[in-house]
Amino acid sequence: MKKTVLLLVLVLTGAWSVAQTPVPAADIQVKAALLAAPSEKREAAAVLGYNQQGELVTLRKGTNELICLADDPNQKGFSVSCYHQDLEPFMARGRELRKAGKNTQEIFETREQEAVNGKLALPKQPTTLFVFTAPDENYNKTTGEVKDGYLRYVVYIPFATAESTGLPLKPEGPAMPWIMHPGTHGAHIMISPPKAGSTP
């Protein structure tokens, strides 16, 4: 009976999920997060990751314009990213809203309103996001090595349109750039290279 009650408490408080997904060491998180960055940017990039309580913290300060985000141990699949420092207000606001329980659409609508009202600072120039993903089983949490990862690219251009960029609204071929969320604060160019082994 006591074990059943304890299990129920753990599930309700979320402690069970944290216990089941241990956080890798800081140096391992840094190593894995930097896989999303261009090689010439890795040494000086800042890295955000997770402490043993599951809180997002700065694991390493940077000296260039890139910020890298380590894999969230409580999310399914391995996913790390690196982005220009001018995107941090946009990214941080998204994390804040997600933590508050907002869904993807609610986050988009909130940031759109705040951007239009001037409350949310957006980059004044095109800024890049690199996203590196892999299945959970391909990520070694002891060594930080990742097998067969997939890297895609995003270039944020707030309020850009298909007309202002000359880009299509959907890709018509492998790695063809296209624009997503045109005319909004979240307008961005998507570039998704073919995955290894995929049919052209």
N, C-alpha and C. Protein backbone atom coordinates (compact mmCIF):
# COMPACT_ATOMS: atom_id res chain seq x y z
N MET A 1 0.83 -1.21 0.00
CA MET A 1 0.00 0.00 0.00
C MET A 1 0.86 1.26 0.00
N LYS A 2 1.90 1.25 0.83
CA LYS A 2 2.79 2.41 0.91
C LYS A 2 3.49 2.64 -0.43
N LYS A 3 3.89 1.54 -1.08
CA LYS A 3 4.57 1.65 -2.37
C LYS A 3 3.63 2.24 -3.42
N THR A 4 2.37 1.81 -3.37
CA THR A 4 1.38 2.32 -4.34
C THR A 4 1.17 3.82 -4.16
N VAL A 5 1.07 4.25 -2.92
CA VAL A 5 0.88 5.68 -2.63
C VAL A 5 2.09 6.48 -3.09
N LEU A 6 3.31 5.96 -2.83
CA LEU A 6 4.53 6.65 -3.23
C LEU A 6 4.61 6.77 -4.75
N LEU A 7 4.26 5.70 -5.44
CA LEU A 7 4.27 5.72 -6.90
C LEU A 7 3.31 6.76 -7.44
N LEU A 8 2.12 6.85 -6.84
CA LEU A 8 1.12 7.83 -7.26
C LEU A 8 1.62 9.25 -7.05
N VAL A 9 2.28 9.49 -5.93
CA VAL A 9 2.83 10.82 -5.64
C VAL A 9 3.90 11.18 -6.66
N LEU A 10 4.76 10.24 -6.98
CA LEU A 10 5.83 10.48 -7.95
C LEU A 10 5.27 10.82 -9.32
N VAL A 11 4.24 10.10 -9.74
CA VAL A 11 3.64 10.35 -11.05
C VAL A 11 2.97 11.72 -11.08
N LEU A 12 2.24 12.05 -10.02
CA LEU A 12 1.52 13.32 -9.99
C LEU A 12 2.46 14.52 -9.93
N THR A 13 3.58 14.38 -9.29
CA THR A 13 4.51 15.51 -9.15
C THR A 13 5.51 15.60 -10.29
N GLY A 14 5.56 14.57 -11.12
CA GLY A 14 6.52 14.58 -12.22
C GLY A 14 7.88 14.06 -11.81
N ALA A 15 8.06 13.75 -10.55
CA ALA A 15 9.36 13.28 -10.07
C ALA A 15 9.72 11.94 -10.69
N TRP A 16 8.71 11.13 -10.99
CA TRP A 16 8.97 9.81 -11.57
C TRP A 16 9.64 9.95 -12.93
N SER A 17 9.13 10.90 -13.76
CA SER A 17 9.70 11.08 -15.07
C SER A 17 11.14 11.56 -14.99
N VAL A 18 11.46 12.44 -14.02
CA VAL A 18 12.83 12.91 -13.86
C VAL A 18 13.74 11.76 -13.43
N ALA A 19 13.21 10.93 -12.52
CA ALA A 19 14.00 9.81 -12.03
C ALA A 19 14.30 8.81 -13.14
N GLN A 20 13.36 8.69 -14.10
CA GLN A 20 13.53 7.73 -15.17
C GLN A 20 14.41 8.28 -16.30
N THR A 21 14.66 9.58 -16.31
CA THR A 21 15.48 10.17 -17.36
C THR A 21 16.61 10.98 -16.73
N PRO A 22 17.66 10.31 -16.30
CA PRO A 22 18.78 11.01 -15.68
C PRO A 22 19.42 12.01 -16.64
N VAL A 23 19.90 13.11 -16.09
CA VAL A 23 20.51 14.16 -16.89
C VAL A 23 21.99 13.84 -17.12
N PRO A 24 22.45 13.83 -18.37
CA PRO A 24 23.87 13.58 -18.63
C PRO A 24 24.76 14.64 -17.99
N ALA A 25 26.02 14.30 -17.79
CA ALA A 25 26.98 15.25 -17.22
C ALA A 25 27.08 16.49 -18.10
N ALA A 26 27.44 17.61 -17.49
CA ALA A 26 27.49 18.89 -18.21
C ALA A 26 28.39 18.83 -19.43
N ASP A 27 29.57 18.21 -19.30
CA ASP A 27 30.49 18.17 -20.44
C ASP A 27 29.94 17.33 -21.58
N ILE A 28 29.15 16.31 -21.26
CA ILE A 28 28.53 15.48 -22.29
C ILE A 28 27.44 16.27 -23.00
N GLN A 29 26.65 17.03 -22.24
CA GLN A 29 25.62 17.86 -22.84
C GLN A 29 26.23 18.89 -23.78
N VAL A 30 27.33 19.49 -23.36
CA VAL A 30 28.02 20.49 -24.19
C VAL A 30 28.52 19.85 -25.48
N LYS A 31 29.17 18.72 -25.36
CA LYS A 31 29.71 18.02 -26.53
C LYS A 31 28.61 17.70 -27.54
N ALA A 32 27.49 17.18 -27.06
CA ALA A 32 26.40 16.81 -27.95
C ALA A 32 25.71 18.03 -28.55
N ALA A 33 25.53 19.07 -27.74
CA ALA A 33 24.85 20.28 -28.23
C ALA A 33 25.63 20.93 -29.37
N LEU A 34 26.94 20.90 -29.27
CA LEU A 34 27.78 21.55 -30.27
C LEU A 34 27.75 20.85 -31.63
N LEU A 35 27.19 19.65 -31.68
CA LEU A 35 27.08 18.94 -32.97
C LEU A 35 26.16 19.68 -33.93
N ALA A 36 25.31 20.55 -33.40
CA ALA A 36 24.42 21.32 -34.26
C ALA A 36 25.12 22.53 -34.89
N ALA A 37 26.24 22.93 -34.33
CA ALA A 37 26.92 24.15 -34.79
C ALA A 37 27.90 23.87 -35.93
N PRO A 38 28.09 24.85 -36.81
CA PRO A 38 29.17 24.73 -37.80
C PRO A 38 30.50 24.55 -37.07
N SER A 39 31.39 23.73 -37.59
CA SER A 39 32.63 23.39 -36.89
C SER A 39 33.44 24.62 -36.49
N GLU A 40 33.45 25.65 -37.33
CA GLU A 40 34.25 26.83 -37.03
C GLU A 40 33.66 27.68 -35.90
N LYS A 41 32.40 27.40 -35.53
CA LYS A 41 31.72 28.18 -34.49
C LYS A 41 31.72 27.48 -33.13
N ARG A 42 32.06 26.20 -33.10
CA ARG A 42 31.86 25.40 -31.89
C ARG A 42 32.69 25.84 -30.69
N GLU A 43 33.92 26.15 -30.90
CA GLU A 43 34.82 26.43 -29.78
C GLU A 43 34.40 27.63 -28.95
N ALA A 44 33.76 28.61 -29.59
CA ALA A 44 33.41 29.85 -28.88
C ALA A 44 31.92 30.01 -28.60
N ALA A 45 31.13 28.99 -28.91
CA ALA A 45 29.68 29.10 -28.72
C ALA A 45 29.28 28.92 -27.26
N ALA A 46 28.25 29.63 -26.84
CA ALA A 46 27.67 29.43 -25.51
C ALA A 46 26.78 28.19 -25.55
N VAL A 47 26.63 27.53 -24.40
CA VAL A 47 25.79 26.33 -24.35
C VAL A 47 24.85 26.39 -23.16
N LEU A 48 23.57 26.22 -23.43
CA LEU A 48 22.56 26.10 -22.38
C LEU A 48 22.20 24.62 -22.24
N GLY A 49 22.03 24.16 -21.00
CA GLY A 49 21.69 22.77 -20.78
C GLY A 49 20.97 22.61 -19.46
N TYR A 50 20.98 21.41 -18.92
CA TYR A 50 20.15 21.11 -17.76
C TYR A 50 20.98 20.65 -16.56
N ASN A 51 20.58 21.14 -15.37
CA ASN A 51 21.22 20.65 -14.15
C ASN A 51 20.48 19.40 -13.69
N GLN A 52 20.91 18.84 -12.56
CA GLN A 52 20.33 17.58 -12.10
C GLN A 52 18.88 17.73 -11.62
N GLN A 53 18.43 18.95 -11.45
CA GLN A 53 17.04 19.20 -11.08
C GLN A 53 16.16 19.41 -12.32
N GLY A 54 16.77 19.33 -13.49
CA GLY A 54 16.04 19.51 -14.73
C GLY A 54 15.82 20.95 -15.12
N GLU A 55 16.52 21.87 -14.46
CA GLU A 55 16.38 23.30 -14.77
C GLU A 55 17.35 23.70 -15.87
N LEU A 56 16.91 24.60 -16.76
CA LEU A 56 17.77 25.08 -17.82
C LEU A 56 18.76 26.10 -17.26
N VAL A 57 20.05 25.86 -17.48
CA VAL A 57 21.10 26.73 -16.95
C VAL A 57 22.18 26.93 -18.02
N THR A 58 23.05 27.88 -17.79
CA THR A 58 24.19 28.08 -18.68
C THR A 58 25.28 27.10 -18.31
N LEU A 59 25.60 26.20 -19.23
CA LEU A 59 26.66 25.22 -18.99
C LEU A 59 28.02 25.78 -19.39
N ARG A 60 28.02 26.66 -20.38
CA ARG A 60 29.28 27.26 -20.84
C ARG A 60 29.00 28.63 -21.44
N LYS A 61 29.75 29.61 -21.01
CA LYS A 61 29.64 30.94 -21.60
C LYS A 61 30.35 30.96 -22.96
N GLY A 62 29.87 31.81 -23.85
CA GLY A 62 30.45 31.88 -25.19
C GLY A 62 31.07 33.22 -25.47
N THR A 63 31.85 33.27 -26.54
CA THR A 63 32.49 34.52 -26.95
C THR A 63 32.16 34.88 -28.40
N ASN A 64 31.33 34.08 -29.06
CA ASN A 64 30.89 34.46 -30.40
C ASN A 64 29.38 34.67 -30.39
N GLU A 65 28.76 34.70 -31.54
CA GLU A 65 27.34 35.06 -31.64
C GLU A 65 26.39 33.86 -31.52
N LEU A 66 26.94 32.67 -31.30
CA LEU A 66 26.10 31.48 -31.32
C LEU A 66 25.74 30.97 -29.91
N ILE A 67 24.47 30.57 -29.74
CA ILE A 67 24.01 29.94 -28.51
C ILE A 67 23.51 28.54 -28.87
N CYS A 68 23.98 27.53 -28.15
CA CYS A 68 23.56 26.16 -28.42
C CYS A 68 22.72 25.65 -27.25
N LEU A 69 21.71 24.86 -27.57
CA LEU A 69 20.78 24.33 -26.59
C LEU A 69 20.91 22.82 -26.53
N ALA A 70 21.21 22.28 -25.36
CA ALA A 70 21.40 20.84 -25.18
C ALA A 70 20.08 20.08 -25.28
N ASP A 71 20.18 18.79 -25.44
CA ASP A 71 19.00 17.92 -25.52
C ASP A 71 18.23 17.93 -24.20
N ASP A 72 16.92 18.04 -24.30
CA ASP A 72 16.06 17.99 -23.11
C ASP A 72 15.84 16.52 -22.74
N PRO A 73 16.36 16.07 -21.61
CA PRO A 73 16.27 14.65 -21.25
C PRO A 73 14.84 14.16 -21.03
N ASN A 74 13.89 15.07 -20.85
CA ASN A 74 12.51 14.67 -20.62
C ASN A 74 11.65 14.69 -21.88
N GLN A 75 12.30 14.95 -23.03
CA GLN A 75 11.58 14.92 -24.30
C GLN A 75 12.01 13.71 -25.11
N LYS A 76 11.08 13.10 -25.82
CA LYS A 76 11.38 11.93 -26.63
C LYS A 76 12.26 12.31 -27.81
N GLY A 77 13.26 11.47 -28.10
CA GLY A 77 14.16 11.73 -29.20
C GLY A 77 15.28 12.67 -28.82
N PHE A 78 16.38 12.59 -29.53
CA PHE A 78 17.52 13.48 -29.30
C PHE A 78 17.38 14.70 -30.21
N SER A 79 17.48 15.89 -29.64
CA SER A 79 17.38 17.11 -30.44
C SER A 79 18.18 18.22 -29.78
N VAL A 80 19.15 18.75 -30.52
CA VAL A 80 19.93 19.90 -30.05
C VAL A 80 19.88 20.97 -31.13
N SER A 81 20.14 22.20 -30.75
CA SER A 81 20.08 23.29 -31.72
C SER A 81 21.08 24.38 -31.37
N CYS A 82 21.43 25.16 -32.35
CA CYS A 82 22.27 26.33 -32.14
C CYS A 82 21.66 27.48 -32.94
N TYR A 83 21.67 28.66 -32.36
CA TYR A 83 21.04 29.79 -33.03
C TYR A 83 21.78 31.09 -32.71
N HIS A 84 21.56 32.08 -33.55
CA HIS A 84 22.18 33.39 -33.37
C HIS A 84 21.68 34.03 -32.08
N GLN A 85 22.57 34.71 -31.38
CA GLN A 85 22.23 35.31 -30.08
C GLN A 85 21.08 36.31 -30.17
N ASP A 86 20.86 36.93 -31.33
CA ASP A 86 19.76 37.87 -31.45
C ASP A 86 18.40 37.19 -31.44
N LEU A 87 18.38 35.87 -31.56
CA LEU A 87 17.14 35.11 -31.47
C LEU A 87 16.80 34.72 -30.03
N GLU A 88 17.69 34.99 -29.08
CA GLU A 88 17.47 34.54 -27.71
C GLU A 88 16.17 35.08 -27.09
N PRO A 89 15.81 36.36 -27.25
CA PRO A 89 14.54 36.80 -26.68
C PRO A 89 13.34 36.00 -27.22
N PHE A 90 13.36 35.72 -28.51
CA PHE A 90 12.31 34.92 -29.15
C PHE A 90 12.30 33.50 -28.61
N MET A 91 13.47 32.87 -28.52
CA MET A 91 13.58 31.50 -28.02
C MET A 91 13.22 31.42 -26.53
N ALA A 92 13.74 32.35 -25.76
CA ALA A 92 13.48 32.34 -24.32
C ALA A 92 12.00 32.53 -24.02
N ARG A 93 11.33 33.38 -24.78
CA ARG A 93 9.90 33.59 -24.58
C ARG A 93 9.12 32.32 -24.90
N GLY A 94 9.55 31.62 -25.93
CA GLY A 94 8.90 30.37 -26.27
C GLY A 94 9.04 29.34 -25.16
N ARG A 95 10.24 29.24 -24.59
CA ARG A 95 10.46 28.30 -23.49
C ARG A 95 9.62 28.68 -22.27
N GLU A 96 9.53 29.97 -22.02
CA GLU A 96 8.76 30.46 -20.87
C GLU A 96 7.28 30.12 -21.02
N LEU A 97 6.75 30.31 -22.22
CA LEU A 97 5.33 30.02 -22.46
C LEU A 97 5.06 28.52 -22.42
N ARG A 98 6.02 27.74 -22.94
CA ARG A 98 5.87 26.28 -22.91
C ARG A 98 5.85 25.79 -21.47
N LYS A 99 6.71 26.36 -20.64
CA LYS A 99 6.75 25.98 -19.23
C LYS A 99 5.45 26.33 -18.53
N ALA A 100 4.81 27.39 -19.00
CA ALA A 100 3.54 27.83 -18.41
C ALA A 100 2.36 26.99 -18.89
N GLY A 101 2.64 26.01 -19.74
CA GLY A 101 1.59 25.10 -20.19
C GLY A 101 0.93 25.47 -21.50
N LYS A 102 1.45 26.47 -22.21
CA LYS A 102 0.86 26.87 -23.49
C LYS A 102 1.22 25.86 -24.57
N ASN A 103 0.28 25.65 -25.51
CA ASN A 103 0.57 24.75 -26.62
C ASN A 103 1.22 25.53 -27.76
N THR A 104 1.58 24.82 -28.82
CA THR A 104 2.31 25.44 -29.93
C THR A 104 1.57 26.62 -30.54
N GLN A 105 0.26 26.46 -30.77
CA GLN A 105 -0.51 27.55 -31.37
C GLN A 105 -0.61 28.75 -30.43
N GLU A 106 -0.80 28.50 -29.16
CA GLU A 106 -0.89 29.58 -28.18
C GLU A 106 0.43 30.34 -28.07
N ILE A 107 1.54 29.61 -28.15
CA ILE A 107 2.86 30.25 -28.11
C ILE A 107 3.04 31.14 -29.33
N PHE A 108 2.66 30.63 -30.49
CA PHE A 108 2.78 31.41 -31.72
C PHE A 108 1.96 32.68 -31.64
N GLU A 109 0.72 32.55 -31.22
CA GLU A 109 -0.17 33.71 -31.17
C GLU A 109 0.30 34.75 -30.15
N THR A 110 0.81 34.28 -29.02
CA THR A 110 1.31 35.21 -28.00
C THR A 110 2.53 35.97 -28.50
N ARG A 111 3.47 35.26 -29.10
CA ARG A 111 4.67 35.92 -29.60
C ARG A 111 4.34 36.84 -30.78
N GLU A 112 3.38 36.46 -31.58
CA GLU A 112 2.98 37.32 -32.70
C GLU A 112 2.46 38.65 -32.17
N GLN A 113 1.57 38.58 -31.19
CA GLN A 113 1.00 39.81 -30.62
C GLN A 113 2.07 40.66 -29.97
N GLU A 114 2.96 40.02 -29.22
CA GLU A 114 4.01 40.77 -28.53
C GLU A 114 5.02 41.37 -29.51
N ALA A 115 5.28 40.67 -30.61
CA ALA A 115 6.20 41.20 -31.62
C ALA A 115 5.59 42.40 -32.32
N VAL A 116 4.32 42.30 -32.68
CA VAL A 116 3.63 43.40 -33.36
C VAL A 116 3.56 44.63 -32.45
N ASN A 117 3.36 44.39 -31.16
CA ASN A 117 3.26 45.50 -30.20
C ASN A 117 4.61 46.04 -29.76
N GLY A 118 5.68 45.42 -30.22
CA GLY A 118 7.02 45.88 -29.86
C GLY A 118 7.50 45.38 -28.51
N LYS A 119 6.73 44.50 -27.88
CA LYS A 119 7.12 43.98 -26.58
C LYS A 119 8.19 42.90 -26.69
N LEU A 120 8.16 42.15 -27.79
CA LEU A 120 9.13 41.08 -28.03
C LEU A 120 10.15 41.53 -29.06
N ALA A 121 11.41 41.59 -28.66
CA ALA A 121 12.48 42.02 -29.56
C ALA A 121 12.81 40.92 -30.55
N LEU A 122 12.85 41.29 -31.84
CA LEU A 122 13.20 40.34 -32.89
C LEU A 122 14.46 40.81 -33.61
N PRO A 123 15.19 39.90 -34.23
CA PRO A 123 16.40 40.30 -34.96
C PRO A 123 16.07 41.28 -36.08
N LYS A 124 16.98 42.21 -36.32
CA LYS A 124 16.78 43.19 -37.39
C LYS A 124 17.39 42.70 -38.70
N GLN A 125 18.03 41.53 -38.68
CA GLN A 125 18.65 40.95 -39.87
C GLN A 125 18.34 39.46 -39.88
N PRO A 126 18.49 38.80 -41.05
CA PRO A 126 18.29 37.36 -41.09
C PRO A 126 19.20 36.65 -40.09
N THR A 127 18.65 35.70 -39.35
CA THR A 127 19.43 34.98 -38.34
C THR A 127 19.15 33.48 -38.45
N THR A 128 20.18 32.69 -38.19
CA THR A 128 20.13 31.26 -38.47
C THR A 128 19.94 30.40 -37.23
N LEU A 129 19.21 29.30 -37.44
CA LEU A 129 19.02 28.25 -36.44
C LEU A 129 19.44 26.93 -37.09
N PHE A 130 20.27 26.16 -36.39
CA PHE A 130 20.68 24.83 -36.84
C PHE A 130 20.06 23.82 -35.89
N VAL A 131 19.43 22.78 -36.43
CA VAL A 131 18.78 21.76 -35.60
C VAL A 131 19.34 20.38 -35.97
N PHE A 132 19.84 19.66 -34.95
CA PHE A 132 20.44 18.34 -35.15
C PHE A 132 19.65 17.32 -34.34
N THR A 133 19.11 16.30 -35.01
CA THR A 133 18.25 15.33 -34.35
C THR A 133 18.68 13.90 -34.65
N ALA A 134 18.19 12.99 -33.80
CA ALA A 134 18.46 11.56 -33.98
C ALA A 134 17.52 10.78 -33.07
N PRO A 135 17.30 9.51 -33.34
CA PRO A 135 16.51 8.68 -32.42
C PRO A 135 17.24 8.55 -31.09
N ASP A 136 16.48 8.34 -30.01
CA ASP A 136 17.07 8.21 -28.67
C ASP A 136 18.19 7.18 -28.63
N GLU A 137 17.96 6.05 -29.30
CA GLU A 137 18.95 4.95 -29.22
C GLU A 137 20.27 5.27 -29.92
N ASN A 138 20.28 6.35 -30.71
CA ASN A 138 21.52 6.73 -31.40
C ASN A 138 22.36 7.72 -30.60
N TYR A 139 21.86 8.12 -29.44
CA TYR A 139 22.57 9.09 -28.59
C TYR A 139 23.17 8.37 -27.39
N ASN A 140 24.49 8.41 -27.29
CA ASN A 140 25.19 7.80 -26.15
C ASN A 140 25.34 8.86 -25.07
N LYS A 141 24.57 8.74 -23.98
CA LYS A 141 24.57 9.75 -22.92
C LYS A 141 25.80 9.69 -22.04
N THR A 142 26.65 8.70 -22.26
CA THR A 142 27.89 8.59 -21.50
C THR A 142 29.06 9.24 -22.21
N THR A 143 29.05 9.15 -23.56
CA THR A 143 30.16 9.70 -24.34
C THR A 143 29.79 10.98 -25.08
N GLY A 144 28.48 11.23 -25.27
CA GLY A 144 28.05 12.39 -26.02
C GLY A 144 28.07 12.19 -27.52
N GLU A 145 28.33 10.95 -27.96
CA GLU A 145 28.39 10.66 -29.39
C GLU A 145 27.00 10.36 -29.93
N VAL A 146 26.78 10.76 -31.19
CA VAL A 146 25.48 10.55 -31.84
C VAL A 146 25.71 9.91 -33.21
N LYS A 147 25.00 8.82 -33.47
CA LYS A 147 25.12 8.12 -34.75
C LYS A 147 23.98 8.52 -35.68
N ASP A 148 24.33 8.71 -36.94
CA ASP A 148 23.33 8.96 -37.99
C ASP A 148 22.38 10.10 -37.64
N GLY A 149 22.93 11.21 -37.17
CA GLY A 149 22.12 12.38 -36.87
C GLY A 149 21.69 13.10 -38.14
N TYR A 150 20.69 13.94 -38.02
CA TYR A 150 20.16 14.69 -39.17
C TYR A 150 20.19 16.18 -38.85
N LEU A 151 20.80 16.96 -39.75
CA LEU A 151 20.95 18.39 -39.55
C LEU A 151 20.11 19.15 -40.57
N ARG A 152 19.26 20.06 -40.06
CA ARG A 152 18.49 20.91 -40.95
C ARG A 152 18.72 22.37 -40.57
N TYR A 153 18.32 23.28 -41.47
CA TYR A 153 18.67 24.69 -41.31
C TYR A 153 17.43 25.57 -41.41
N VAL A 154 17.42 26.61 -40.60
CA VAL A 154 16.33 27.58 -40.59
C VAL A 154 16.93 28.98 -40.56
N VAL A 155 16.42 29.86 -41.40
CA VAL A 155 16.86 31.25 -41.40
C VAL A 155 15.64 32.13 -41.11
N TYR A 156 15.64 32.76 -39.93
CA TYR A 156 14.51 33.60 -39.53
C TYR A 156 14.61 34.97 -40.20
N ILE A 157 13.51 35.38 -40.83
CA ILE A 157 13.38 36.72 -41.41
C ILE A 157 12.00 37.23 -41.02
N PRO A 158 11.85 37.81 -39.84
CA PRO A 158 10.54 38.23 -39.36
C PRO A 158 9.76 39.07 -40.37
N PHE A 159 8.51 38.68 -40.59
CA PHE A 159 7.54 39.37 -41.44
C PHE A 159 7.86 39.30 -42.93
N ALA A 160 8.84 38.49 -43.32
CA ALA A 160 9.12 38.29 -44.74
C ALA A 160 7.99 37.51 -45.40
N THR A 161 7.87 37.65 -46.70
CA THR A 161 6.82 36.95 -47.45
C THR A 161 7.42 36.22 -48.64
N ALA A 162 6.60 35.42 -49.30
CA ALA A 162 7.05 34.75 -50.52
C ALA A 162 7.43 35.79 -51.57
N GLU A 163 6.68 36.88 -51.59
CA GLU A 163 6.94 37.93 -52.58
C GLU A 163 8.23 38.69 -52.27
N SER A 164 8.49 38.95 -50.99
CA SER A 164 9.68 39.74 -50.64
C SER A 164 10.97 38.92 -50.76
N THR A 165 10.84 37.60 -50.73
CA THR A 165 12.03 36.75 -50.80
C THR A 165 12.16 35.99 -52.12
N GLY A 166 11.04 35.83 -52.83
CA GLY A 166 11.05 35.04 -54.05
C GLY A 166 11.01 33.55 -53.79
N LEU A 167 10.72 33.16 -52.55
CA LEU A 167 10.70 31.76 -52.17
C LEU A 167 9.30 31.16 -52.29
N PRO A 168 9.21 29.86 -52.57
CA PRO A 168 7.91 29.20 -52.62
C PRO A 168 7.38 28.92 -51.22
N LEU A 169 6.10 28.55 -51.12
CA LEU A 169 5.48 28.25 -49.84
C LEU A 169 5.62 26.77 -49.46
N LYS A 170 6.21 25.99 -50.34
CA LYS A 170 6.50 24.59 -50.03
C LYS A 170 7.65 24.13 -50.93
N PRO A 171 8.43 23.15 -50.48
CA PRO A 171 9.56 22.69 -51.29
C PRO A 171 9.09 21.84 -52.46
N GLU A 172 9.76 21.96 -53.58
CA GLU A 172 9.42 21.17 -54.77
C GLU A 172 10.55 20.22 -55.15
N GLY A 173 11.52 20.09 -54.26
CA GLY A 173 12.63 19.18 -54.51
C GLY A 173 13.50 19.07 -53.27
N PRO A 174 14.40 18.10 -53.22
CA PRO A 174 15.27 17.90 -52.06
C PRO A 174 16.08 19.15 -51.74
N ALA A 175 16.05 19.56 -50.49
CA ALA A 175 16.83 20.69 -49.98
C ALA A 175 16.41 22.04 -50.56
N MET A 176 15.30 22.09 -51.24
CA MET A 176 14.85 23.35 -51.81
C MET A 176 14.38 24.29 -50.71
N PRO A 177 14.93 25.50 -50.62
CA PRO A 177 14.49 26.45 -49.59
C PRO A 177 13.04 26.88 -49.84
N TRP A 178 12.29 27.05 -48.75
CA TRP A 178 10.93 27.55 -48.85
C TRP A 178 10.62 28.38 -47.61
N ILE A 179 9.58 29.18 -47.67
CA ILE A 179 9.28 30.07 -46.55
C ILE A 179 8.06 29.56 -45.77
N MET A 180 8.19 29.56 -44.45
CA MET A 180 7.13 29.10 -43.55
C MET A 180 6.64 30.27 -42.70
N HIS A 181 5.38 30.30 -42.39
CA HIS A 181 4.75 31.38 -41.63
C HIS A 181 5.03 32.76 -42.24
N PRO A 182 4.87 32.90 -43.55
CA PRO A 182 5.16 34.18 -44.20
C PRO A 182 4.29 35.31 -43.64
N GLY A 183 4.88 36.50 -43.58
CA GLY A 183 4.13 37.68 -43.14
C GLY A 183 3.93 37.79 -41.64
N THR A 184 4.53 36.87 -40.88
CA THR A 184 4.38 36.89 -39.43
C THR A 184 5.74 37.09 -38.75
N HIS A 185 5.71 37.24 -37.43
CA HIS A 185 6.95 37.38 -36.68
C HIS A 185 7.83 36.14 -36.82
N GLY A 186 7.19 35.00 -37.07
CA GLY A 186 7.92 33.74 -37.15
C GLY A 186 8.30 33.33 -38.56
N ALA A 187 8.22 34.24 -39.51
CA ALA A 187 8.59 33.90 -40.89
C ALA A 187 10.03 33.39 -40.95
N HIS A 188 10.22 32.26 -41.61
CA HIS A 188 11.57 31.72 -41.71
C HIS A 188 11.74 30.85 -42.94
N ILE A 189 12.97 30.78 -43.41
CA ILE A 189 13.31 29.94 -44.55
C ILE A 189 13.67 28.56 -44.02
N MET A 190 13.07 27.53 -44.57
CA MET A 190 13.35 26.15 -44.20
C MET A 190 14.25 25.51 -45.26
N ILE A 191 15.28 24.81 -44.80
CA ILE A 191 16.15 24.05 -45.70
C ILE A 191 16.36 22.68 -45.06
N SER A 192 15.78 21.65 -45.66
CA SER A 192 15.85 20.30 -45.10
C SER A 192 16.52 19.37 -46.10
N PRO A 193 17.83 19.11 -45.95
CA PRO A 193 18.54 18.21 -46.86
C PRO A 193 17.93 16.81 -46.83
N PRO A 194 18.09 16.04 -47.91
CA PRO A 194 17.59 14.67 -47.91
C PRO A 194 18.29 13.86 -46.82
N LYS A 195 17.56 12.97 -46.17
CA LYS A 195 18.15 12.12 -45.15
C LYS A 195 18.95 11.00 -45.81
N ALA A 196 19.97 10.54 -45.14
CA ALA A 196 20.82 9.46 -45.66
C ALA A 196 19.96 8.25 -45.98
N GLY A 197 20.13 7.74 -47.19
CA GLY A 197 19.39 6.54 -47.58
C GLY A 197 18.04 6.82 -48.16
N SER A 198 17.61 8.09 -48.17
CA SER A 198 16.30 8.41 -48.72
C SER A 198 16.33 8.42 -50.24
N THR A 199 15.19 8.16 -50.85
CA THR A 199 15.11 8.14 -52.30
C THR A 199 14.92 9.56 -52.83
N PRO A 200 15.76 10.01 -53.76
CA PRO A 200 15.64 11.37 -54.30
C PRO A 200 14.28 11.59 -54.93
